[in-house]
């Protein structure tokens, strides 16, 4: 086929909804008009009557094929990106994360080696900084060059083998400002978690219920506030990953109200689940939900986080997709600290957010597009190539059926894991057709894509959306 013509749909961007046709050729959107006619028999026409045409989802937070404590997460770059396309996500940003003692450029090379020949959709990378030295600072600067294409670095405030001390984090923040990179942070209180885990095990608490007790959400809020404070002192833009609790979200809002550049990310699990499941009698179900920070035990938290996304105090959504089989989770059967942390979400994020946001009247479709796609594209400096339906944009889009429903189940999903934490949920909003790079890759419930179809997307530093205010603040 020499192209695609999508007719009779409603094109939804983050700032507009309009009845329009979309013409795609050579992997790009070449026209968006109220009516488009073509005479070329090689152009396939797809009818989108009563459907929305939306930018493909961008998941800014995944951990595919993640090595962790001698094991590897079960969704690799092939199965993970296939699952993404089935759910309407056409780009991911994965984390190149290895423990202390490794070098950022080596980790970048390793992730490229794993991903390039396996991804089914486009991807970018964030590189984790897990220790500090002059060599690491120099490598951060090198990674922002076009041949590497890194414009963000992640810092962990938890996990002993990944965690940076506050003074290391502060040095990293100052280096991010210098090289025009966004700092991303996992905000928890690592030393307390280590001490509390030991205390709970000594008291005989070995099951998944020990996990939220060792990670109290009050300390997620404390760490979020501390991270934002350090970033403000360094005059560094900050992106807080997986905001899981009300008070952590309020800390993000507080610092934004003070004029600091802070972005808050919610994840699909926190918008659809709460942490009462950690106390399930069924060990497998409880262990499946172990992730860090844990889901909030307050059952009203998912609704509040969605409200904060609706009003702009939180800014975008990811998944933190890091899935494991039940057998892998059972490594922690008698010690909750050994349960691999992470769960699924890549395939179901878009539908879960539509169900809990748009279908419940909290979001309009334009805000849905913002928090699932365009905000990420702007923050990571690939907009409007990604995250927008317009002339010249990449032809990554979804024909979305807002009324259709589906029941989430591990028996039907495309993940590598054998359990789905959203099992049995009925969701409105379904990706009827996913188009990636101008090719129909998901249609009629079937995937049609090969390994290596996706490409690495270099992400350039000094993004105006992230650093735009700093130019003026320096004049003060």
Protein backbone atom coordinates (compact mmCIF):
# COMPACT_ATOMS: atom_id res chain seq x y z
CA UNK A 1 0.00 0.00 0.00
CA UNK A 2 1.25 3.49 -0.82
CA UNK A 3 -0.75 5.10 1.95
CA UNK A 4 -3.74 5.21 4.26
CA UNK A 5 -6.75 7.50 4.32
CA UNK A 6 -8.79 7.59 7.51
CA UNK A 7 -12.22 9.09 6.85
CA UNK A 8 -15.20 10.32 8.85
CA UNK A 9 -13.57 10.33 12.28
CA UNK A 10 -13.06 13.01 14.91
CA UNK A 11 -9.42 14.06 15.20
CA UNK A 12 -8.50 14.74 18.82
CA UNK A 13 -5.36 16.62 19.83
CA UNK A 14 -4.64 18.05 23.26
CA UNK A 15 -6.09 21.41 22.20
CA UNK A 16 -8.84 20.59 19.71
CA UNK A 17 -11.46 18.15 18.48
CA UNK A 18 -12.56 18.39 14.86
CA UNK A 19 -14.28 16.21 12.30
CA UNK A 20 -11.60 15.49 9.74
CA UNK A 21 -9.98 12.98 7.43
CA UNK A 22 -6.29 12.03 7.81
CA UNK A 23 -4.02 11.10 4.91
CA UNK A 24 -0.87 9.10 5.62
CA UNK A 25 2.00 8.45 3.25
CA UNK A 26 5.60 7.37 3.77
CA UNK A 27 5.14 6.98 7.51
CA UNK A 28 4.02 10.59 7.95
CA UNK A 29 0.75 12.44 8.24
CA UNK A 30 0.61 14.49 5.03
CA UNK A 31 -2.82 16.10 5.36
CA UNK A 32 -5.64 16.69 7.83
CA UNK A 33 -8.74 18.23 6.25
CA UNK A 34 -12.53 18.18 6.70
CA UNK A 35 -12.73 16.10 3.54
CA UNK A 36 -9.94 14.38 1.63
CA UNK A 37 -10.42 12.42 -1.58
CA UNK A 38 -7.78 10.33 -3.36
CA UNK A 39 -7.95 8.43 -6.62
CA UNK A 40 -4.97 6.17 -5.99
CA UNK A 41 -6.17 2.54 -5.69
CA UNK A 42 -3.06 1.77 -3.66
CA UNK A 43 -4.27 4.01 -0.83
CA UNK A 44 -6.28 2.01 1.68
CA UNK A 45 -9.36 3.78 3.04
CA UNK A 46 -10.37 3.13 6.65
CA UNK A 47 -13.77 4.32 7.86
CA UNK A 48 -13.69 5.87 11.34
CA UNK A 49 -17.34 6.90 11.61
CA UNK A 50 -18.33 7.45 15.25
CA UNK A 51 -14.70 6.88 16.26
CA UNK A 52 -11.95 9.17 17.53
CA UNK A 53 -8.58 9.50 15.81
CA UNK A 54 -6.02 10.15 18.53
CA UNK A 55 -2.21 10.34 18.70
CA UNK A 56 -0.61 7.05 19.65
CA UNK A 57 0.03 6.76 23.35
CA UNK A 58 3.50 7.48 24.72
CA UNK A 59 4.44 5.59 27.86
CA UNK A 60 7.32 7.49 29.48
CA UNK A 61 8.03 4.89 32.16
CA UNK A 62 8.80 1.26 31.37
CA UNK A 63 11.29 -1.34 32.58
CA UNK A 64 11.46 -3.97 29.86
CA UNK A 65 13.92 -6.84 30.17
CA UNK A 66 15.13 -5.36 33.47
CA UNK A 67 17.90 -7.33 35.22
CA UNK A 68 17.14 -7.35 38.94
CA UNK A 69 18.80 -9.37 41.68
CA UNK A 70 19.80 -12.24 39.41
CA UNK A 71 16.56 -12.39 37.44
CA UNK A 72 15.07 -10.52 34.47
CA UNK A 73 11.57 -9.03 34.12
CA UNK A 74 9.50 -11.22 31.82
CA UNK A 75 8.29 -8.54 29.37
CA UNK A 76 11.25 -8.05 27.05
CA UNK A 77 11.44 -5.43 24.30
CA UNK A 78 9.49 -7.68 21.92
CA UNK A 79 6.59 -8.82 24.10
CA UNK A 80 6.39 -5.48 25.91
CA UNK A 81 6.12 -3.37 22.78
CA UNK A 82 3.67 -5.81 21.17
CA UNK A 83 1.47 -5.42 24.23
CA UNK A 84 1.85 -1.65 23.96
CA UNK A 85 0.62 -1.59 20.35
CA UNK A 86 -2.36 -3.79 21.17
CA UNK A 87 -3.46 -1.19 23.70
CA UNK A 88 -2.83 1.89 21.55
CA UNK A 89 0.65 2.92 22.74
CA UNK A 90 3.10 3.59 19.91
CA UNK A 91 6.20 4.81 21.78
CA UNK A 92 7.86 4.00 25.08
CA UNK A 93 10.69 5.53 27.10
CA UNK A 94 12.56 2.81 28.94
CA UNK A 95 15.09 3.14 31.76
CA UNK A 96 18.67 1.97 31.31
CA UNK A 97 19.14 1.09 34.99
CA UNK A 98 21.96 -0.93 36.49
CA UNK A 99 23.32 -0.94 40.05
CA UNK A 100 26.17 1.10 41.51
CA UNK A 101 29.53 0.39 39.92
CA UNK A 102 28.30 0.57 36.32
CA UNK A 103 28.86 3.46 33.92
CA UNK A 104 26.05 5.35 32.15
CA UNK A 105 27.40 4.96 28.60
CA UNK A 106 27.94 1.22 29.08
CA UNK A 107 24.34 0.90 30.26
CA UNK A 108 23.09 2.93 27.30
CA UNK A 109 24.94 0.59 24.92
CA UNK A 110 23.53 -2.48 26.67
CA UNK A 111 19.95 -1.26 26.38
CA UNK A 112 20.43 -0.38 22.70
CA UNK A 113 21.78 -3.88 22.09
CA UNK A 114 18.77 -5.46 23.78
CA UNK A 115 16.15 -3.21 22.22
CA UNK A 116 17.12 -2.29 18.66
CA UNK A 117 16.43 -5.64 17.01
CA UNK A 118 13.38 -6.46 19.13
CA UNK A 119 11.20 -3.37 19.57
CA UNK A 120 7.93 -3.28 17.65
CA UNK A 121 7.36 0.45 18.23
CA UNK A 122 9.64 3.47 18.56
CA UNK A 123 11.44 4.00 21.84
CA UNK A 124 13.64 6.44 23.72
CA UNK A 125 15.76 6.00 26.81
CA UNK A 126 16.37 7.60 30.20
CA UNK A 127 19.67 6.61 31.81
CA UNK A 128 19.83 5.98 35.56
CA UNK A 129 22.60 7.53 37.66
CA UNK A 130 23.30 5.19 40.58
CA UNK A 131 26.57 6.62 41.91
CA UNK A 132 28.60 9.79 41.53
CA UNK A 133 32.06 10.69 40.26
CA UNK A 134 33.72 13.08 37.84
CA UNK A 135 33.69 10.30 35.24
CA UNK A 136 29.92 9.86 35.56
CA UNK A 137 29.38 13.62 35.28
CA UNK A 138 31.44 13.64 32.06
CA UNK A 139 29.52 10.68 30.66
CA UNK A 140 26.20 12.40 31.37
CA UNK A 141 27.34 15.31 29.23
CA UNK A 142 28.51 12.96 26.48
CA UNK A 143 25.14 11.19 26.49
CA UNK A 144 23.29 14.40 25.63
CA UNK A 145 25.06 14.56 22.26
CA UNK A 146 22.96 13.65 19.17
CA UNK A 147 24.69 10.31 18.66
CA UNK A 148 23.39 9.17 22.05
CA UNK A 149 20.16 11.18 22.29
CA UNK A 150 19.61 11.26 26.05
CA UNK A 151 17.86 14.26 27.60
CA UNK A 152 16.88 12.85 31.00
CA UNK A 153 18.54 11.00 33.86
CA UNK A 154 16.92 9.08 36.70
CA UNK A 155 17.96 9.14 40.34
CA UNK A 156 16.76 6.58 42.91
CA UNK A 157 16.19 7.58 46.52
CA UNK A 158 15.57 3.91 47.41
CA UNK A 159 16.91 0.42 46.62
CA UNK A 160 20.35 0.00 48.23
CA UNK A 161 22.06 -1.08 45.01
CA UNK A 162 20.62 1.82 42.98
CA UNK A 163 20.22 4.59 45.54
CA UNK A 164 22.18 7.83 45.52
CA UNK A 165 22.79 9.80 48.69
CA UNK A 166 21.28 13.28 48.92
CA UNK A 167 24.62 14.97 48.30
CA UNK A 168 25.16 12.80 45.18
CA UNK A 169 21.65 13.59 44.00
CA UNK A 170 22.32 17.30 44.42
CA UNK A 171 25.52 17.08 42.37
CA UNK A 172 23.59 15.19 39.71
CA UNK A 173 20.89 17.86 39.65
CA UNK A 174 23.46 20.59 39.13
CA UNK A 175 24.99 18.62 36.27
CA UNK A 176 21.57 18.16 34.68
CA UNK A 177 21.09 21.94 34.62
CA UNK A 178 24.50 22.42 33.02
CA UNK A 179 23.86 19.94 30.20
CA UNK A 180 20.17 20.70 29.64
CA UNK A 181 18.79 17.38 30.88
CA UNK A 182 15.65 16.69 32.88
CA UNK A 183 16.19 14.99 36.25
CA UNK A 184 13.75 12.19 37.03
CA UNK A 185 13.44 10.83 40.55
CA UNK A 186 12.09 7.78 42.35
CA UNK A 187 11.14 9.44 45.63
CA UNK A 188 11.24 7.22 48.72
CA UNK A 189 13.29 7.02 51.92
CA UNK A 190 15.70 4.17 51.22
CA UNK A 191 17.53 3.94 54.58
CA UNK A 192 14.24 3.82 56.50
CA UNK A 193 12.86 1.13 54.16
CA UNK A 194 15.93 -1.05 54.77
CA UNK A 195 15.61 -0.67 58.53
CA UNK A 196 11.85 -1.25 58.55
CA UNK A 197 12.09 -4.36 56.41
CA UNK A 198 14.55 -5.88 58.85
CA UNK A 199 12.30 -4.97 61.78
CA UNK A 200 9.22 -6.53 60.17
CA UNK A 201 11.02 -9.77 59.27
CA UNK A 202 12.33 -10.07 62.83
CA UNK A 203 8.73 -9.64 64.04
CA UNK A 204 7.60 -12.53 61.82
CA UNK A 205 5.95 -10.51 59.06
CA UNK A 206 7.01 -12.34 55.88
CA UNK A 207 4.06 -11.97 53.47
CA UNK A 208 3.21 -9.28 50.92
CA UNK A 209 1.43 -7.29 53.61
CA UNK A 210 4.89 -6.37 54.91
CA UNK A 211 5.66 -4.44 51.73
CA UNK A 212 3.36 -1.42 52.30
CA UNK A 213 4.30 -1.40 55.98
CA UNK A 214 7.96 -1.01 55.02
CA UNK A 215 7.10 1.73 52.51
CA UNK A 216 4.71 4.09 54.38
CA UNK A 217 3.21 6.63 52.03
CA UNK A 218 3.99 9.44 54.48
CA UNK A 219 7.65 8.88 53.61
CA UNK A 220 6.91 8.92 49.89
CA UNK A 221 5.52 12.41 50.50
CA UNK A 222 8.57 13.36 52.60
CA UNK A 223 10.96 12.14 49.91
CA UNK A 224 8.99 13.89 47.15
CA UNK A 225 9.18 17.16 49.07
CA UNK A 226 12.89 16.64 49.72
CA UNK A 227 13.60 15.88 46.05
CA UNK A 228 11.68 18.97 44.95
CA UNK A 229 13.52 21.11 47.51
CA UNK A 230 16.93 19.90 46.36
CA UNK A 231 15.95 20.46 42.72
CA UNK A 232 14.82 23.98 43.53
CA UNK A 233 18.15 24.69 45.21
CA UNK A 234 19.95 23.42 42.12
CA UNK A 235 17.52 25.33 39.86
CA UNK A 236 16.92 22.04 38.05
CA UNK A 237 13.66 20.93 36.41
CA UNK A 238 12.40 17.76 38.10
CA UNK A 239 10.12 14.93 37.01
CA UNK A 240 8.70 12.80 39.83
CA UNK A 241 7.95 9.30 38.55
CA UNK A 242 5.04 7.18 39.80
CA UNK A 243 3.34 9.57 42.24
CA UNK A 244 1.37 7.04 44.27
CA UNK A 245 -0.20 8.95 47.18
CA UNK A 246 -2.23 12.07 47.82
CA UNK A 247 0.44 13.83 49.86
CA UNK A 248 3.20 13.10 47.36
CA UNK A 249 0.98 14.70 44.71
CA UNK A 250 0.37 17.67 46.99
CA UNK A 251 4.13 18.08 47.41
CA UNK A 252 4.47 18.35 43.62
CA UNK A 253 1.68 20.94 43.52
CA UNK A 254 3.22 22.91 46.42
CA UNK A 255 6.54 23.30 44.66
CA UNK A 256 4.93 24.19 41.36
CA UNK A 257 2.97 26.90 43.14
CA UNK A 258 6.29 28.28 44.36
CA UNK A 259 7.37 28.66 40.75
CA UNK A 260 9.58 25.58 40.45
CA UNK A 261 9.51 23.40 37.32
CA UNK A 262 8.22 20.05 38.55
CA UNK A 263 6.32 17.43 36.57
CA UNK A 264 4.27 14.73 38.29
CA UNK A 265 3.57 11.34 36.73
CA UNK A 266 0.75 9.03 37.77
CA UNK A 267 0.68 5.42 36.65
CA UNK A 268 -2.19 3.27 35.48
CA UNK A 269 -2.06 0.96 38.51
CA UNK A 270 -2.41 3.86 40.96
CA UNK A 271 -5.38 5.18 38.98
CA UNK A 272 -7.25 1.87 38.99
CA UNK A 273 -6.19 -0.02 42.12
CA UNK A 274 -5.54 0.56 45.81
CA UNK A 275 -3.31 -1.20 48.28
CA UNK A 276 -5.90 -3.20 50.16
CA UNK A 277 -4.96 -6.09 47.89
CA UNK A 278 -1.66 -6.54 49.74
CA UNK A 279 -3.69 -8.12 52.54
CA UNK A 280 -5.43 -10.67 50.27
CA UNK A 281 -5.46 -14.20 51.64
CA UNK A 282 -4.37 -15.43 48.21
CA UNK A 283 -0.58 -14.93 48.35
CA UNK A 284 -0.23 -14.90 44.56
CA UNK A 285 -2.75 -12.07 44.13
CA UNK A 286 -1.16 -10.02 46.89
CA UNK A 287 2.38 -10.56 45.62
CA UNK A 288 1.39 -9.63 42.06
CA UNK A 289 0.73 -6.08 43.25
CA UNK A 290 4.08 -5.59 44.97
CA UNK A 291 5.72 -2.51 43.48
CA UNK A 292 7.58 0.49 44.87
CA UNK A 293 6.31 2.85 46.06
CA UNK A 294 3.35 0.61 46.90
CA UNK A 295 -0.25 1.27 46.00
CA UNK A 296 -1.96 3.48 48.56
CA UNK A 297 -4.12 1.69 51.11
CA UNK A 298 -6.52 4.64 51.03
CA UNK A 299 -9.33 3.53 48.66
CA UNK A 300 -10.04 7.13 47.65
CA UNK A 301 -6.52 7.73 46.32
CA UNK A 302 -7.14 6.58 42.69
CA UNK A 303 -10.01 9.06 42.31
CA UNK A 304 -7.98 11.89 43.84
CA UNK A 305 -5.00 11.23 41.55
CA UNK A 306 -7.33 11.31 38.54
CA UNK A 307 -8.78 14.61 39.77
CA UNK A 308 -5.25 16.03 40.01
CA UNK A 309 -4.54 14.90 36.45
CA UNK A 310 -7.77 16.55 35.35
CA UNK A 311 -6.89 19.90 36.91
CA UNK A 312 -3.24 19.89 35.87
CA UNK A 313 -1.53 19.40 39.24
CA UNK A 314 -0.29 16.08 37.85
CA UNK A 315 0.77 16.13 34.24
CA UNK A 316 1.01 12.76 32.51
CA UNK A 317 0.67 9.02 32.92
CA UNK A 318 2.95 6.03 32.53
CA UNK A 319 2.87 2.44 33.70
CA UNK A 320 6.18 1.56 35.40
CA UNK A 321 5.63 -1.70 33.49
CA UNK A 322 8.00 -4.23 35.05
CA UNK A 323 6.20 -7.55 34.97
CA UNK A 324 7.07 -10.92 36.45
CA UNK A 325 5.58 -14.40 36.32
CA UNK A 326 3.93 -15.89 39.37
CA UNK A 327 6.89 -18.25 39.70
CA UNK A 328 9.29 -15.31 39.75
CA UNK A 329 7.21 -13.55 42.39
CA UNK A 330 7.37 -16.73 44.52
CA UNK A 331 11.07 -16.13 45.10
CA UNK A 332 9.75 -14.07 48.02
CA UNK A 333 7.30 -16.68 49.31
CA UNK A 334 8.81 -16.63 52.80
CA UNK A 335 10.39 -13.18 52.67
CA UNK A 336 8.46 -10.25 51.17
CA UNK A 337 11.69 -8.33 50.55
CA UNK A 338 12.59 -10.92 47.88
CA UNK A 339 9.37 -10.51 45.88
CA UNK A 340 10.42 -8.86 42.59
CA UNK A 341 8.94 -5.37 42.47
CA UNK A 342 6.75 -4.44 39.54
CA UNK A 343 3.58 -5.18 37.60
CA UNK A 344 2.01 -4.92 34.14
CA UNK A 345 0.21 -2.00 32.52
CA UNK A 346 1.50 -1.31 29.00
CA UNK A 347 -1.42 -2.92 27.20
CA UNK A 348 -4.16 -1.62 29.47
CA UNK A 349 -3.06 1.92 30.38
CA UNK A 350 -5.04 3.76 27.70
CA UNK A 351 -8.30 1.92 28.38
CA UNK A 352 -7.92 2.19 32.17
CA UNK A 353 -7.44 5.95 31.95
CA UNK A 354 -10.36 6.34 29.57
CA UNK A 355 -12.58 4.29 31.89
CA UNK A 356 -11.59 6.07 35.10
CA UNK A 357 -11.13 9.49 33.53
CA UNK A 358 -13.26 10.19 30.46
CA UNK A 359 -16.03 7.64 30.95
CA UNK A 360 -16.52 8.83 34.54
CA UNK A 361 -16.71 12.46 33.50
CA UNK A 362 -13.42 13.66 34.97
CA UNK A 363 -11.50 14.20 31.70
CA UNK A 364 -12.52 15.36 28.24
CA UNK A 365 -10.94 13.55 25.27
CA UNK A 366 -8.44 16.38 24.75
CA UNK A 367 -7.13 16.07 28.29
CA UNK A 368 -6.98 12.30 27.77
CA UNK A 369 -4.70 12.86 24.77
CA UNK A 370 -2.57 15.26 26.82
CA UNK A 371 -1.93 12.90 29.72
CA UNK A 372 -1.46 9.77 27.61
CA UNK A 373 0.62 11.22 24.76
CA UNK A 374 1.26 14.89 24.04
CA UNK A 375 2.53 15.92 27.50
CA UNK A 376 5.20 13.23 27.30
CA UNK A 377 6.12 14.29 23.77
CA UNK A 378 6.55 17.89 24.93
CA UNK A 379 8.50 17.04 28.09
CA UNK A 380 10.90 14.73 26.24
CA UNK A 381 11.32 17.06 23.26
CA UNK A 382 9.81 14.99 20.45
CA UNK A 383 6.69 17.10 19.90
CA UNK A 384 5.07 17.60 17.38
CA UNK A 385 6.74 14.65 15.61
CA UNK A 386 5.10 12.55 18.29
CA UNK A 387 1.97 13.26 20.30
CA UNK A 388 0.09 15.25 17.65
CA UNK A 389 -2.04 14.64 14.58
CA UNK A 390 -0.90 17.29 12.11
CA UNK A 391 0.89 17.62 8.80
CA UNK A 392 4.48 16.42 9.12
CA UNK A 393 3.91 14.46 12.34
CA UNK A 394 4.83 10.79 12.51
CA UNK A 395 1.91 8.60 11.53
CA UNK A 396 1.55 7.06 15.00
CA UNK A 397 -2.14 7.17 15.75
CA UNK A 398 -5.07 5.16 16.99
CA UNK A 399 -8.65 4.78 15.82
CA UNK A 400 -10.31 4.76 19.23
CA UNK A 401 -13.78 3.42 19.93
CA UNK A 402 -15.02 5.37 22.97
CA UNK A 403 -18.12 3.22 23.50
CA UNK A 404 -16.73 -0.26 23.02
CA UNK A 405 -15.90 -2.28 26.12
CA UNK A 406 -13.54 -5.11 26.88
CA UNK A 407 -12.77 -7.25 29.91
CA UNK A 408 -9.13 -7.28 30.93
CA UNK A 409 -7.71 -10.76 31.37
CA UNK A 410 -4.34 -12.50 31.39
CA UNK A 411 -5.89 -15.10 29.09
CA UNK A 412 -6.16 -12.45 26.34
CA UNK A 413 -3.34 -10.01 26.96
CA UNK A 414 -0.06 -9.92 25.03
CA UNK A 415 2.31 -9.55 27.99
CA UNK A 416 4.83 -12.19 28.91
CA UNK A 417 3.47 -12.48 32.45
CA UNK A 418 0.86 -15.08 33.41
CA UNK A 419 -1.10 -12.76 35.70
CA UNK A 420 -2.79 -9.40 35.16
CA UNK A 421 -3.32 -7.14 38.17
CA UNK A 422 -6.39 -5.64 36.44
CA UNK A 423 -7.96 -9.08 35.91
CA UNK A 424 -11.73 -8.97 35.36
CA UNK A 425 -12.08 -5.20 35.05
CA UNK A 426 -14.50 -4.02 32.36
CA UNK A 427 -13.21 -0.90 30.61
CA UNK A 428 -14.78 1.46 28.10
CA UNK A 429 -12.54 2.80 25.35
CA UNK A 430 -10.73 0.40 23.05
CA UNK A 431 -7.97 0.75 20.47
CA UNK A 432 -9.78 -0.54 17.40
CA UNK A 433 -6.88 0.12 15.01
CA UNK A 434 -3.30 1.06 15.92
CA UNK A 435 -1.15 2.64 13.22
CA UNK A 436 2.58 2.88 13.88
CA UNK A 437 4.96 4.58 11.44
CA UNK A 438 2.15 4.60 8.88
CA UNK A 439 1.51 0.84 9.09
CA UNK A 440 -1.58 -0.84 10.51
CA UNK A 441 -0.11 -3.00 13.26
CA UNK A 442 -3.25 -3.81 15.31
CA UNK A 443 -6.67 -4.47 13.80
CA UNK A 444 -9.54 -6.86 14.42
CA UNK A 445 -7.90 -8.04 17.59
CA UNK A 446 -4.77 -9.17 15.78
CA UNK A 447 -1.19 -7.90 15.77
CA UNK A 448 0.73 -7.62 12.51
CA UNK A 449 4.24 -6.48 13.36
CA UNK A 450 7.76 -7.88 13.34
CA UNK A 451 10.73 -7.60 15.70
CA UNK A 452 12.81 -4.55 15.00
CA UNK A 453 10.03 -2.58 13.31
CA UNK A 454 10.43 0.18 15.89
CA UNK A 455 13.39 2.56 15.95
CA UNK A 456 15.39 4.39 18.57
CA UNK A 457 14.35 8.05 18.91
CA UNK A 458 17.17 10.38 20.01
CA UNK A 459 15.84 12.96 22.49
CA UNK A 460 17.63 16.30 22.45
CA UNK A 461 18.56 18.40 25.54
CA UNK A 462 17.54 21.94 26.50
CA UNK A 463 13.87 21.33 25.73
CA UNK A 464 11.99 24.65 25.77
CA UNK A 465 9.00 23.03 27.46
CA UNK A 466 11.25 21.99 30.36
CA UNK A 467 13.91 24.73 30.48
CA UNK A 468 11.93 27.66 29.08
CA UNK A 469 11.47 29.49 32.38
CA UNK A 470 15.10 29.18 33.46
CA UNK A 471 16.30 31.67 30.88
CA UNK A 472 14.14 34.35 32.47
CA UNK A 473 14.87 33.32 36.06
CA UNK A 474 18.58 33.87 35.45
CA UNK A 475 17.81 37.54 34.76
CA UNK A 476 16.31 38.04 38.22
